[in-house]
């Protein structure tokens, strides 16, 4: 029987961290479903809308070779998503491990027989850091409590990508 994996995420400002999660996830399942979180769910859970609209984020993720299927994640409860999508394992970044939301995810999925598999978080980049870097480039300073290093991500990532070309 095929092992079905589910990799939920905003996938906003798609970057190498997203690619890493999807690549690793595909290595641990036969069929990979990427759940792209809707604009409304992101606003509800993170307090802000994405830069890139849902339809465009889904189109980007759909064209990643590791992804077999893309769905819009439109409910806040991952178990409700599991009931409608169906999967054997859910993949998350290890920044969830040991947190209250990660512990809840593990308990909820253990109750229905779904494995929670964590992958290393790509610490040098994130959509949040990219958003801050873009704000700085536009002349909008990030909030004072944000570390200055966060706005240096964009040039570093660009240099890294160019060196791989």
Protein backbone atom coordinates (compact mmCIF):
# COMPACT_ATOMS: atom_id res chain seq x y z
CA UNK A 1 0.00 0.00 0.00
CA UNK A 2 1.30 3.45 -0.93
CA UNK A 3 2.39 5.71 1.91
CA UNK A 4 0.76 9.12 1.54
CA UNK A 5 2.52 12.15 2.96
CA UNK A 6 1.20 15.63 3.66
CA UNK A 7 3.36 18.75 3.82
CA UNK A 8 1.35 21.78 4.88
CA UNK A 9 2.73 25.28 4.61
CA UNK A 10 2.09 28.84 3.56
CA UNK A 11 4.71 28.57 0.81
CA UNK A 12 4.67 32.37 0.62
CA UNK A 13 7.72 33.94 -1.04
CA UNK A 14 8.84 30.42 -1.97
CA UNK A 15 12.43 29.81 -0.87
CA UNK A 16 15.01 27.06 -0.36
CA UNK A 17 13.58 26.14 3.06
CA UNK A 18 10.28 25.24 1.38
CA UNK A 19 12.13 23.25 -1.25
CA UNK A 20 14.09 21.38 1.45
CA UNK A 21 10.92 20.34 3.28
CA UNK A 22 9.27 19.10 0.08
CA UNK A 23 12.41 17.26 -1.09
CA UNK A 24 12.84 15.51 2.27
CA UNK A 25 9.13 14.74 2.54
CA UNK A 26 9.10 13.00 -0.84
CA UNK A 27 11.93 10.76 0.35
CA UNK A 28 9.65 9.49 3.14
CA UNK A 29 6.47 8.74 1.21
CA UNK A 30 5.22 7.36 -2.08
CA UNK A 31 2.72 10.13 -2.82
CA UNK A 32 3.30 13.68 -1.55
CA UNK A 33 0.42 16.09 -1.08
CA UNK A 34 1.36 19.71 -0.42
CA UNK A 35 -1.26 21.62 1.53
CA UNK A 36 -1.03 25.31 0.70
CA UNK A 37 -2.60 27.29 3.53
CA UNK A 38 -5.30 29.69 2.33
CA UNK A 39 -4.96 33.45 2.64
CA UNK A 40 -7.79 33.50 5.20
CA UNK A 41 -6.21 30.77 7.35
CA UNK A 42 -2.87 32.60 7.32
CA UNK A 43 -4.56 35.79 8.43
CA UNK A 44 -6.36 33.86 11.18
CA UNK A 45 -3.30 31.93 12.43
CA UNK A 46 -0.42 34.36 11.74
CA UNK A 47 -2.19 37.69 11.81
CA UNK A 48 -1.27 38.75 8.27
CA UNK A 49 -2.12 37.90 4.71
CA UNK A 50 0.53 36.40 2.42
CA UNK A 51 2.39 38.47 -0.15
CA UNK A 52 1.58 35.95 -2.90
CA UNK A 53 -2.12 34.99 -3.31
CA UNK A 54 -3.26 31.39 -2.77
CA UNK A 55 -3.83 30.51 -6.45
CA UNK A 56 -0.32 31.64 -7.36
CA UNK A 57 1.29 29.84 -4.40
CA UNK A 58 -0.55 26.66 -5.40
CA UNK A 59 0.65 27.02 -8.99
CA UNK A 60 4.27 27.43 -7.86
CA UNK A 61 4.13 24.39 -5.54
CA UNK A 62 2.30 22.30 -8.17
CA UNK A 63 5.35 22.64 -10.42
CA UNK A 64 7.85 21.34 -7.88
CA UNK A 65 8.90 17.90 -9.10
CA UNK A 66 8.70 16.31 -5.63
CA UNK A 67 5.01 17.21 -5.26
CA UNK A 68 2.39 14.79 -6.58
CA UNK A 69 -0.71 16.74 -5.59
CA UNK A 70 -1.60 20.18 -4.24
CA UNK A 71 -4.61 21.09 -2.10
CA UNK A 72 -5.72 24.31 -0.48
CA UNK A 73 -5.73 24.05 3.29
CA UNK A 74 -8.85 25.95 4.30
CA UNK A 75 -9.52 24.82 7.89
CA UNK A 76 -7.39 25.57 10.98
CA UNK A 77 -7.47 22.02 12.39
CA UNK A 78 -4.97 19.66 10.72
CA UNK A 79 -7.04 16.62 11.77
CA UNK A 80 -10.01 18.08 9.88
CA UNK A 81 -7.71 18.41 6.86
CA UNK A 82 -6.67 14.76 7.35
CA UNK A 83 -10.34 13.71 7.35
CA UNK A 84 -10.90 15.34 3.95
CA UNK A 85 -7.50 14.70 2.30
CA UNK A 86 -6.33 11.42 3.87
CA UNK A 87 -2.63 10.81 4.60
CA UNK A 88 -0.41 8.51 6.65
CA UNK A 89 2.28 10.97 7.70
CA UNK A 90 2.41 14.73 8.14
CA UNK A 91 5.68 16.61 7.71
CA UNK A 92 6.63 19.69 9.72
CA UNK A 93 9.76 21.71 10.35
CA UNK A 94 11.47 20.86 13.63
CA UNK A 95 10.76 24.37 14.89
CA UNK A 96 7.40 22.79 15.91
CA UNK A 97 9.01 19.97 17.94
CA UNK A 98 8.59 20.37 21.69
CA UNK A 99 6.28 23.38 21.39
CA UNK A 100 2.70 23.42 22.64
CA UNK A 101 1.36 23.39 19.06
CA UNK A 102 3.74 20.55 18.11
CA UNK A 103 2.77 18.53 21.18
CA UNK A 104 -0.92 19.01 20.33
CA UNK A 105 -0.29 18.00 16.72
CA UNK A 106 1.44 14.80 17.89
CA UNK A 107 -1.36 13.92 20.34
CA UNK A 108 -4.13 14.63 17.85
CA UNK A 109 -2.51 12.59 15.10
CA UNK A 110 -1.49 9.71 17.38
CA UNK A 111 -5.21 9.32 18.16
CA UNK A 112 -5.96 8.67 14.47
CA UNK A 113 -2.81 6.69 13.61
CA UNK A 114 -0.97 9.38 11.63
CA UNK A 115 2.78 9.78 12.08
CA UNK A 116 4.26 13.26 12.64
CA UNK A 117 7.69 13.50 10.99
CA UNK A 118 9.94 16.51 11.62
CA UNK A 119 12.64 17.86 9.33
CA UNK A 120 15.40 20.35 10.16
CA UNK A 121 14.24 23.94 9.89
CA UNK A 122 16.27 25.94 7.36
CA UNK A 123 17.45 28.58 9.82
CA UNK A 124 19.14 30.94 7.36
CA UNK A 125 15.95 31.85 5.53
CA UNK A 126 12.22 32.15 6.05
CA UNK A 127 9.33 33.97 4.41
CA UNK A 128 9.16 36.23 7.47
CA UNK A 129 12.84 37.16 7.11
CA UNK A 130 12.41 37.71 3.38
CA UNK A 131 9.40 39.91 4.04
CA UNK A 132 11.50 41.99 6.47
CA UNK A 133 14.34 42.22 3.96
CA UNK A 134 11.97 43.41 1.25
CA UNK A 135 10.51 46.00 3.63
CA UNK A 136 14.03 47.28 4.35
CA UNK A 137 14.79 47.49 0.62
CA UNK A 138 11.59 49.51 0.19
CA UNK A 139 12.79 51.89 2.90
CA UNK A 140 10.46 50.61 5.59
CA UNK A 141 12.43 49.75 8.72
CA UNK A 142 11.52 46.48 10.46
CA UNK A 143 10.18 46.75 14.02
CA UNK A 144 12.84 47.74 16.57
CA UNK A 145 12.75 44.36 18.33
CA UNK A 146 13.75 42.51 15.17
CA UNK A 147 17.44 41.58 14.88
CA UNK A 148 19.34 43.48 12.21
CA UNK A 149 20.61 40.16 10.79
CA UNK A 150 17.10 39.33 9.60
CA UNK A 151 17.28 42.03 6.95
CA UNK A 152 20.54 40.60 5.59
CA UNK A 153 18.89 37.35 4.45
CA UNK A 154 17.96 38.48 0.95
CA UNK A 155 21.51 39.30 -0.25
CA UNK A 156 22.89 36.15 1.38
CA UNK A 157 20.31 33.90 -0.21
CA UNK A 158 20.78 35.55 -3.60
CA UNK A 159 24.54 35.01 -3.43
CA UNK A 160 24.07 31.37 -2.39
CA UNK A 161 21.71 30.70 -5.28
CA UNK A 162 24.01 32.35 -7.79
CA UNK A 163 26.95 30.26 -6.63
CA UNK A 164 24.89 27.09 -7.25
CA UNK A 165 23.93 28.08 -10.81
